[in-house]
C-alpha atoms as a PDB file:
ATOM      1  CA  UNK A   1      23.789  23.009  -5.335  1.00  0.00           C
ATOM      2  CA  UNK A   2      26.144  20.033  -5.276  1.00  0.00           C
ATOM      3  CA  UNK A   3      24.618  16.650  -5.904  1.00  0.00           C
ATOM      4  CA  UNK A   4      24.744  14.238  -2.978  1.00  0.00           C
ATOM      5  CA  UNK A   5      27.387  11.586  -3.403  1.00  0.00           C
ATOM      6  CA  UNK A   6      25.823   8.248  -4.260  1.00  0.00           C
ATOM      7  CA  UNK A   7      26.277   5.617  -1.579  1.00  0.00           C
ATOM      8  CA  UNK A   8      27.390   2.102  -2.308  1.00  0.00           C
ATOM      9  CA  UNK A   9      25.718  -0.955  -0.787  1.00  0.00           C
ATOM     10  CA  UNK A  10      28.365  -1.154   1.939  1.00  0.00           C
ATOM     11  CA  UNK A  11      27.917   2.513   2.843  1.00  0.00           C
ATOM     12  CA  UNK A  12      24.162   2.253   3.357  1.00  0.00           C
ATOM     13  CA  UNK A  13      22.933   2.287   6.963  1.00  0.00           C
ATOM     14  CA  UNK A  14      21.742  -1.122   8.116  1.00  0.00           C
ATOM     15  CA  UNK A  15      18.033  -1.539   8.809  1.00  0.00           C
ATOM     16  CA  UNK A  16      16.548  -4.639  10.472  1.00  0.00           C
ATOM     17  CA  UNK A  17      13.630  -6.476   8.861  1.00  0.00           C
ATOM     18  CA  UNK A  18      11.158  -8.450  10.957  1.00  0.00           C
ATOM     19  CA  UNK A  19       7.916 -10.305  10.443  1.00  0.00           C
ATOM     20  CA  UNK A  20       5.050 -10.281  12.950  1.00  0.00           C
ATOM     21  CA  UNK A  21       2.165 -12.736  12.678  1.00  0.00           C
ATOM     22  CA  UNK A  22      -1.469 -12.234  13.679  1.00  0.00           C
ATOM     23  CA  UNK A  23      -2.474 -15.861  14.324  1.00  0.00           C
ATOM     24  CA  UNK A  24      -6.250 -16.368  14.458  1.00  0.00           C
ATOM     25  CA  UNK A  25      -8.128 -19.405  15.727  1.00  0.00           C
ATOM     26  CA  UNK A  26     -11.811 -20.173  16.319  1.00  0.00           C
ATOM     27  CA  UNK A  27     -12.992 -21.929  19.463  1.00  0.00           C
ATOM     28  CA  UNK A  28     -16.577 -22.536  20.669  1.00  0.00           C
ATOM     29  CA  UNK A  29     -18.011 -19.590  18.784  1.00  0.00           C
ATOM     30  CA  UNK A  30     -15.194 -17.206  19.701  1.00  0.00           C
ATOM     31  CA  UNK A  31     -12.558 -15.776  17.352  1.00  0.00           C
ATOM     32  CA  UNK A  32      -9.190 -15.734  19.145  1.00  0.00           C
ATOM     33  CA  UNK A  33      -5.676 -14.375  18.694  1.00  0.00           C
ATOM     34  CA  UNK A  34      -2.453 -16.130  19.745  1.00  0.00           C
ATOM     35  CA  UNK A  35       0.106 -13.891  21.501  1.00  0.00           C
ATOM     36  CA  UNK A  36       3.111 -14.505  23.727  1.00  0.00           C
ATOM     37  CA  UNK A  37       5.309 -12.888  26.353  1.00  0.00           C
ATOM     38  CA  UNK A  38       8.112 -11.041  24.587  1.00  0.00           C
ATOM     39  CA  UNK A  39      11.527 -12.543  25.332  1.00  0.00           C
ATOM     40  CA  UNK A  40      13.822  -9.620  24.452  1.00  0.00           C
ATOM     41  CA  UNK A  41      14.144  -5.955  25.349  1.00  0.00           C
ATOM     42  CA  UNK A  42      12.627  -3.492  24.883  1.00  0.00           C
ATOM     43  CA  UNK A  43       9.357  -4.476  26.605  1.00  0.00           C
ATOM     44  CA  UNK A  44      10.609  -7.901  27.658  1.00  0.00           C
ATOM     45  CA  UNK A  45       7.828  -9.896  29.356  1.00  0.00           C
ATOM     46  CA  UNK A  46       4.963  -7.908  27.818  1.00  0.00           C
ATOM     47  CA  UNK A  47       2.392  -9.320  25.397  1.00  0.00           C
ATOM     48  CA  UNK A  48       3.444  -9.413  21.756  1.00  0.00           C
ATOM     49  CA  UNK A  49       2.505 -10.896  18.426  1.00  0.00           C
ATOM     50  CA  UNK A  50       4.470 -13.968  17.395  1.00  0.00           C
ATOM     51  CA  UNK A  51       7.366 -12.825  15.256  1.00  0.00           C
ATOM     52  CA  UNK A  52      11.030 -12.922  14.358  1.00  0.00           C
ATOM     53  CA  UNK A  53      13.774 -11.042  12.586  1.00  0.00           C
ATOM     54  CA  UNK A  54      14.266 -12.192   8.990  1.00  0.00           C
ATOM     55  CA  UNK A  55      17.526 -14.075   8.504  1.00  0.00           C
ATOM     56  CA  UNK A  56      19.825 -13.257   5.587  1.00  0.00           C
ATOM     57  CA  UNK A  57      19.145 -16.545   3.818  1.00  0.00           C
ATOM     58  CA  UNK A  58      15.326 -16.483   3.972  1.00  0.00           C
ATOM     59  CA  UNK A  59      12.419 -14.536   2.542  1.00  0.00           C
ATOM     60  CA  UNK A  60       9.899 -12.771   4.783  1.00  0.00           C
ATOM     61  CA  UNK A  61       7.364 -15.529   4.103  1.00  0.00           C
ATOM     62  CA  UNK A  62       9.916 -18.208   4.944  1.00  0.00           C
ATOM     63  CA  UNK A  63      10.655 -16.408   8.211  1.00  0.00           C
ATOM     64  CA  UNK A  64       6.947 -16.268   9.062  1.00  0.00           C
ATOM     65  CA  UNK A  65       6.471 -19.966   8.308  1.00  0.00           C
ATOM     66  CA  UNK A  66       9.554 -20.777  10.379  1.00  0.00           C
ATOM     67  CA  UNK A  67       8.319 -18.942  13.442  1.00  0.00           C
ATOM     68  CA  UNK A  68       4.788 -20.366  13.099  1.00  0.00           C
ATOM     69  CA  UNK A  69       6.202 -23.883  12.926  1.00  0.00           C
ATOM     70  CA  UNK A  70       8.342 -23.142  15.983  1.00  0.00           C
ATOM     71  CA  UNK A  71       5.390 -21.858  18.012  1.00  0.00           C
ATOM     72  CA  UNK A  72       2.548 -24.131  16.852  1.00  0.00           C
ATOM     73  CA  UNK A  73       4.134 -27.198  15.238  1.00  0.00           C
ATOM     74  CA  UNK A  74       2.011 -26.593  12.139  1.00  0.00           C
ATOM     75  CA  UNK A  75       3.021 -26.422   8.474  1.00  0.00           C
ATOM     76  CA  UNK A  76       1.039 -25.615   5.324  1.00  0.00           C
ATOM     77  CA  UNK A  77      -1.375 -23.264   7.073  1.00  0.00           C
ATOM     78  CA  UNK A  78      -3.153 -20.281   5.545  1.00  0.00           C
ATOM     79  CA  UNK A  79      -0.743 -17.340   5.623  1.00  0.00           C
ATOM     80  CA  UNK A  80      -1.028 -14.038   3.816  1.00  0.00           C
ATOM     81  CA  UNK A  81       1.033 -10.858   3.871  1.00  0.00           C
ATOM     82  CA  UNK A  82      -0.830  -8.006   5.523  1.00  0.00           C
ATOM     83  CA  UNK A  83       1.110  -4.749   5.352  1.00  0.00           C
ATOM     84  CA  UNK A  84       4.521  -3.149   5.808  1.00  0.00           C
ATOM     85  CA  UNK A  85       5.026  -1.107   8.995  1.00  0.00           C
ATOM     86  CA  UNK A  86       7.953   1.261   8.618  1.00  0.00           C
ATOM     87  CA  UNK A  87       7.499   4.291  10.867  1.00  0.00           C
ATOM     88  CA  UNK A  88      10.968   5.469  11.883  1.00  0.00           C
ATOM     89  CA  UNK A  89      10.205   5.341  15.604  1.00  0.00           C
ATOM     90  CA  UNK A  90       7.996   2.232  15.626  1.00  0.00           C
ATOM     91  CA  UNK A  91      10.624   0.168  17.475  1.00  0.00           C
ATOM     92  CA  UNK A  92      12.673   1.770  20.243  1.00  0.00           C
ATOM     93  CA  UNK A  93      15.198  -1.066  20.110  1.00  0.00           C
ATOM     94  CA  UNK A  94      16.528  -0.312  16.617  1.00  0.00           C
ATOM     95  CA  UNK A  95      15.500   0.967  13.192  1.00  0.00           C
ATOM     96  CA  UNK A  96      13.321  -1.956  12.145  1.00  0.00           C
ATOM     97  CA  UNK A  97      10.773  -2.479   9.387  1.00  0.00           C
ATOM     98  CA  UNK A  98       8.149  -5.169  10.011  1.00  0.00           C
ATOM     99  CA  UNK A  99       6.238  -7.039   7.324  1.00  0.00           C
ATOM    100  CA  UNK A 100       3.125  -8.260   9.114  1.00  0.00           C
ATOM    101  CA  UNK A 101       1.266 -11.429   8.181  1.00  0.00           C
ATOM    102  CA  UNK A 102      -1.984 -13.001   9.272  1.00  0.00           C
ATOM    103  CA  UNK A 103      -2.465 -16.728   9.661  1.00  0.00           C
ATOM    104  CA  UNK A 104      -5.523 -18.951  10.184  1.00  0.00           C
ATOM    105  CA  UNK A 105      -5.222 -22.246  12.043  1.00  0.00           C
ATOM    106  CA  UNK A 106      -7.570 -24.943  13.292  1.00  0.00           C
ATOM    107  CA  UNK A 107      -7.398 -24.459  17.011  1.00  0.00           C
ATOM    108  CA  UNK A 108      -7.454 -28.191  17.804  1.00  0.00           C
ATOM    109  CA  UNK A 109      -4.605 -29.042  15.412  1.00  0.00           C
ATOM    110  CA  UNK A 110      -1.714 -27.121  16.905  1.00  0.00           C
ATOM    111  CA  UNK A 111       0.859 -28.530  19.343  1.00  0.00           C
ATOM    112  CA  UNK A 112      -0.412 -27.315  22.730  1.00  0.00           C
ATOM    113  CA  UNK A 113       2.804 -28.239  24.553  1.00  0.00           C
ATOM    114  CA  UNK A 114       4.833 -26.223  22.069  1.00  0.00           C
ATOM    115  CA  UNK A 115       2.584 -23.190  22.505  1.00  0.00           C
ATOM    116  CA  UNK A 116       2.783 -23.393  26.298  1.00  0.00           C
ATOM    117  CA  UNK A 117       6.548 -23.850  26.205  1.00  0.00           C
ATOM    118  CA  UNK A 118       6.855 -20.500  24.411  1.00  0.00           C
ATOM    119  CA  UNK A 119       4.580 -18.790  26.917  1.00  0.00           C
ATOM    120  CA  UNK A 120       1.922 -18.178  24.285  1.00  0.00           C
ATOM    121  CA  UNK A 121      -1.766 -17.780  25.068  1.00  0.00           C
ATOM    122  CA  UNK A 122      -5.069 -17.432  23.206  1.00  0.00           C
ATOM    123  CA  UNK A 123      -7.193 -14.335  23.835  1.00  0.00           C
ATOM    124  CA  UNK A 124     -10.717 -13.646  22.609  1.00  0.00           C
ATOM    125  CA  UNK A 125     -10.684 -10.795  20.088  1.00  0.00           C
ATOM    126  CA  UNK A 126     -12.545  -8.471  22.461  1.00  0.00           C
ATOM    127  CA  UNK A 127     -10.186  -9.324  25.350  1.00  0.00           C
ATOM    128  CA  UNK A 128      -6.789  -8.825  23.686  1.00  0.00           C
ATOM    129  CA  UNK A 129      -4.345  -7.175  26.137  1.00  0.00           C
ATOM    130  CA  UNK A 130      -2.308  -4.136  25.195  1.00  0.00           C
ATOM    131  CA  UNK A 131       0.483  -5.315  22.876  1.00  0.00           C
ATOM    132  CA  UNK A 132       4.002  -3.947  22.398  1.00  0.00           C
ATOM    133  CA  UNK A 133       5.127  -1.500  19.721  1.00  0.00           C
ATOM    134  CA  UNK A 134       2.500  -1.108  16.952  1.00  0.00           C
ATOM    135  CA  UNK A 135       1.144  -4.638  17.272  1.00  0.00           C
ATOM    136  CA  UNK A 136      -2.348  -3.468  18.290  1.00  0.00           C
ATOM    137  CA  UNK A 137      -2.525  -1.562  15.008  1.00  0.00           C
ATOM    138  CA  UNK A 138      -1.444  -4.701  13.151  1.00  0.00           C
ATOM    139  CA  UNK A 139      -4.238  -6.702  14.789  1.00  0.00           C
ATOM    140  CA  UNK A 140      -6.846  -4.082  13.867  1.00  0.00           C
ATOM    141  CA  UNK A 141      -5.592  -4.076  10.276  1.00  0.00           C
ATOM    142  CA  UNK A 142      -5.563  -7.884  10.175  1.00  0.00           C
ATOM    143  CA  UNK A 143      -9.160  -8.087  11.403  1.00  0.00           C
ATOM    144  CA  UNK A 144     -10.240  -5.574   8.747  1.00  0.00           C
ATOM    145  CA  UNK A 145      -8.444  -7.626   6.083  1.00  0.00           C
ATOM    146  CA  UNK A 146     -10.006 -10.865   7.338  1.00  0.00           C
ATOM    147  CA  UNK A 147     -13.500  -9.368   7.206  1.00  0.00           C
ATOM    148  CA  UNK A 148     -12.932  -8.089   3.674  1.00  0.00           C
ATOM    149  CA  UNK A 149     -11.417 -11.391   2.570  1.00  0.00           C
ATOM    150  CA  UNK A 150     -14.323 -13.502   3.794  1.00  0.00           C
ATOM    151  CA  UNK A 151     -16.690 -11.634   1.461  1.00  0.00           C
ATOM    152  CA  UNK A 152     -14.774 -12.734  -1.642  1.00  0.00           C
ATOM    153  CA  UNK A 153     -12.912 -15.951  -0.743  1.00  0.00           C
ATOM    154  CA  UNK A 154     -13.957 -18.984   1.344  1.00  0.00           C
ATOM    155  CA  UNK A 155     -11.034 -18.721   3.764  1.00  0.00           C
ATOM    156  CA  UNK A 156     -13.287 -19.196   6.790  1.00  0.00           C
ATOM    157  CA  UNK A 157     -12.993 -22.941   6.330  1.00  0.00           C
ATOM    158  CA  UNK A 158      -9.330 -22.681   7.358  1.00  0.00           C
ATOM    159  CA  UNK A 159     -10.530 -22.012  10.924  1.00  0.00           C
ATOM    160  CA  UNK A 160     -13.084 -24.841  11.189  1.00  0.00           C
ATOM    161  CA  UNK A 161     -12.675 -28.552  11.950  1.00  0.00           C
ATOM    162  CA  UNK A 162     -12.682 -30.748   8.839  1.00  0.00           C
ATOM    163  CA  UNK A 163     -16.281 -31.707   9.659  1.00  0.00           C
ATOM    164  CA  UNK A 164     -18.631 -28.939  10.766  1.00  0.00           C
ATOM    165  CA  UNK A 165     -22.280 -27.912  10.894  1.00  0.00           C
ATOM    166  CA  UNK A 166     -23.792 -24.944   9.088  1.00  0.00           C
ATOM    167  CA  UNK A 167     -24.619 -23.290  12.444  1.00  0.00           C
ATOM    168  CA  UNK A 168     -20.929 -23.620  13.390  1.00  0.00           C
ATOM    169  CA  UNK A 169     -19.926 -22.000  10.102  1.00  0.00           C
ATOM    170  CA  UNK A 170     -22.435 -19.196  10.619  1.00  0.00           C
ATOM    171  CA  UNK A 171     -21.129 -18.689  14.149  1.00  0.00           C
ATOM    172  CA  UNK A 172     -17.631 -18.289  12.699  1.00  0.00           C
ATOM    173  CA  UNK A 173     -18.733 -15.650  10.200  1.00  0.00           C
ATOM    174  CA  UNK A 174     -20.644 -13.813  12.923  1.00  0.00           C
ATOM    175  CA  UNK A 175     -17.496 -13.816  15.091  1.00  0.00           C
ATOM    176  CA  UNK A 176     -15.431 -12.408  12.206  1.00  0.00           C
ATOM    177  CA  UNK A 177     -18.021  -9.814  11.171  1.00  0.00           C
ATOM    178  CA  UNK A 178     -18.904  -8.984  14.805  1.00  0.00           C
ATOM    179  CA  UNK A 179     -22.627  -9.011  14.125  1.00  0.00           C
ATOM    180  CA  UNK A 180     -25.545 -11.458  13.999  1.00  0.00           C
ATOM    181  CA  UNK A 181     -26.498 -12.739  10.533  1.00  0.00           C
ATOM    182  CA  UNK A 182     -29.840 -13.757   9.096  1.00  0.00           C
ATOM    183  CA  UNK A 183     -30.029 -17.577   9.423  1.00  0.00           C
ATOM    184  CA  UNK A 184     -32.081 -18.297   6.288  1.00  0.00           C
ATOM    185  CA  UNK A 185     -30.103 -15.932   4.101  1.00  0.00           C
ATOM    186  CA  UNK A 186     -26.799 -17.388   5.300  1.00  0.00           C
ATOM    187  CA  UNK A 187     -27.812 -21.020   4.640  1.00  0.00           C
ATOM    188  CA  UNK A 188     -29.379 -20.249   1.253  1.00  0.00           C
ATOM    189  CA  UNK A 189     -26.434 -18.220  -0.012  1.00  0.00           C
ATOM    190  CA  UNK A 190     -23.859 -20.686   1.303  1.00  0.00           C
ATOM    191  CA  UNK A 191     -25.520 -23.742  -0.272  1.00  0.00           C
ATOM    192  CA  UNK A 192     -25.917 -21.912  -3.600  1.00  0.00           C
ATOM    193  CA  UNK A 193     -22.142 -22.155  -4.173  1.00  0.00           C
ATOM    194  CA  UNK A 194     -22.229 -25.961  -4.127  1.00  0.00           C
ATOM    195  CA  UNK A 195     -19.184 -25.825  -1.917  1.00  0.00           C
ATOM    196  CA  UNK A 196     -20.364 -28.179   0.827  1.00  0.00           C
ATOM    197  CA  UNK A 197     -20.630 -31.958   0.902  1.00  0.00           C
ATOM    198  CA  UNK A 198     -23.347 -33.194   3.254  1.00  0.00           C
ATOM    199  CA  UNK A 199     -22.334 -36.194   5.374  1.00  0.00           C
ATOM    200  CA  UNK A 200     -24.429 -38.987   6.867  1.00  0.00           C
ATOM    201  CA  UNK A 201     -23.324 -37.877  10.310  1.00  0.00           C
ATOM    202  CA  UNK A 202     -24.771 -35.533  12.875  1.00  0.00           C
ATOM    203  CA  UNK A 203     -23.373 -33.401  15.647  1.00  0.00           C
ATOM    204  CA  UNK A 204     -25.585 -34.000  18.697  1.00  0.00           C
ATOM    205  CA  UNK A 205     -23.598 -31.997  21.218  1.00  0.00           C
ATOM    206  CA  UNK A 206     -26.178 -29.191  21.337  1.00  0.00           C
ATOM    207  CA  UNK A 207     -29.458 -31.114  20.836  1.00  0.00           C
ATOM    208  CA  UNK A 208     -30.886 -34.650  20.668  1.00  0.00           C
ATOM    209  CA  UNK A 209     -31.995 -34.088  17.081  1.00  0.00           C
ATOM    210  CA  UNK A 210     -28.562 -32.876  16.097  1.00  0.00           C
ATOM    211  CA  UNK A 211     -27.337 -31.027  13.020  1.00  0.00           C
ATOM    212  CA  UNK A 212     -25.891 -32.627   9.905  1.00  0.00           C
ATOM    213  CA  UNK A 213     -22.153 -32.399   9.473  1.00  0.00           C
ATOM    214  CA  UNK A 214     -20.585 -31.103   6.271  1.00  0.00           C
ATOM    215  CA  UNK A 215     -17.152 -30.910   4.743  1.00  0.00           C
ATOM    216  CA  UNK A 216     -16.056 -28.645   1.952  1.00  0.00           C
ATOM    217  CA  UNK A 217     -15.354 -29.720  -1.611  1.00  0.00           C
ATOM    218  CA  UNK A 218     -11.597 -29.172  -2.088  1.00  0.00           C
ATOM    219  CA  UNK A 219     -11.770 -28.694  -5.872  1.00  0.00           C
ATOM    220  CA  UNK A 220     -14.569 -26.124  -5.727  1.00  0.00           C
ATOM    221  CA  UNK A 221     -12.865 -24.508  -2.755  1.00  0.00           C
ATOM    222  CA  UNK A 222      -9.706 -23.950  -4.798  1.00  0.00           C
ATOM    223  CA  UNK A 223     -11.695 -22.581  -7.742  1.00  0.00           C
ATOM    224  CA  UNK A 224     -13.533 -20.121  -5.526  1.00  0.00           C
ATOM    225  CA  UNK A 225     -10.341 -19.169  -3.755  1.00  0.00           C
ATOM    226  CA  UNK A 226      -8.722 -18.282  -7.086  1.00  0.00           C
ATOM    227  CA  UNK A 227     -11.697 -16.698  -8.829  1.00  0.00           C
ATOM    228  CA  UNK A 228     -13.347 -15.051  -5.850  1.00  0.00           C
ATOM    229  CA  UNK A 229     -17.033 -14.872  -5.008  1.00  0.00           C
ATOM    230  CA  UNK A 230     -19.576 -12.494  -3.538  1.00  0.00           C
ATOM    231  CA  UNK A 231     -20.437 -13.540  -0.011  1.00  0.00           C
ATOM    232  CA  UNK A 232     -21.722 -10.282   1.395  1.00  0.00           C
ATOM    233  CA  UNK A 233     -24.217 -11.312   4.079  1.00  0.00           C
ATOM    234  CA  UNK A 234     -27.328  -9.641   5.433  1.00  0.00           C
ATOM    235  CA  UNK A 235     -27.302  -8.814   9.149  1.00  0.00           C
ATOM    236  CA  UNK A 236     -30.394  -9.368  11.289  1.00  0.00           C
END
């Protein structure tokens, strides 16, 4: 059998590379996803993850940060590569490989006018519309990764305001895990890491007595982020 002739770089078929971003935010006890109306065919006008083709002069991560800045006005946000999606028929427009990412943003920090200008909208996780291509699969995978990640790294703080209450933090973890957690166990385990700084301020929006506000210790946060920790929580 004759060996196949080796192809040179110029003889190789061209394949597009894209990046699609699962952008999560947390608002009033609800975990949300940011999506927008697709602006190109195929499926123009249908709901899609925020994404872009990767330009020749940029890395996949640079492309993701570019498109997130374009849509939200935010820089230096939590962004992590999720998975490569390369099924041959995943995109009917062309042979295209997508490197998906997931991002966490503080929902009150982004540029609302910029988001609206791009036709983007927040949806609660349990109300996400049907998305184009394999984007629903990407979202499911991103949620699984987020749930796994929160058990070994304190990334949940990336979704909270800079000052927050412990009930707000618990509400966030319950939204991510999709189950109620034991209050006493959550508080005890959280405080055992020495990660929180208690402030002389209270949030009185839900009761006259109010709940003390906290902020996280940046140095300990970075140490835990690098070394990892066990934050597996007991459900009710």
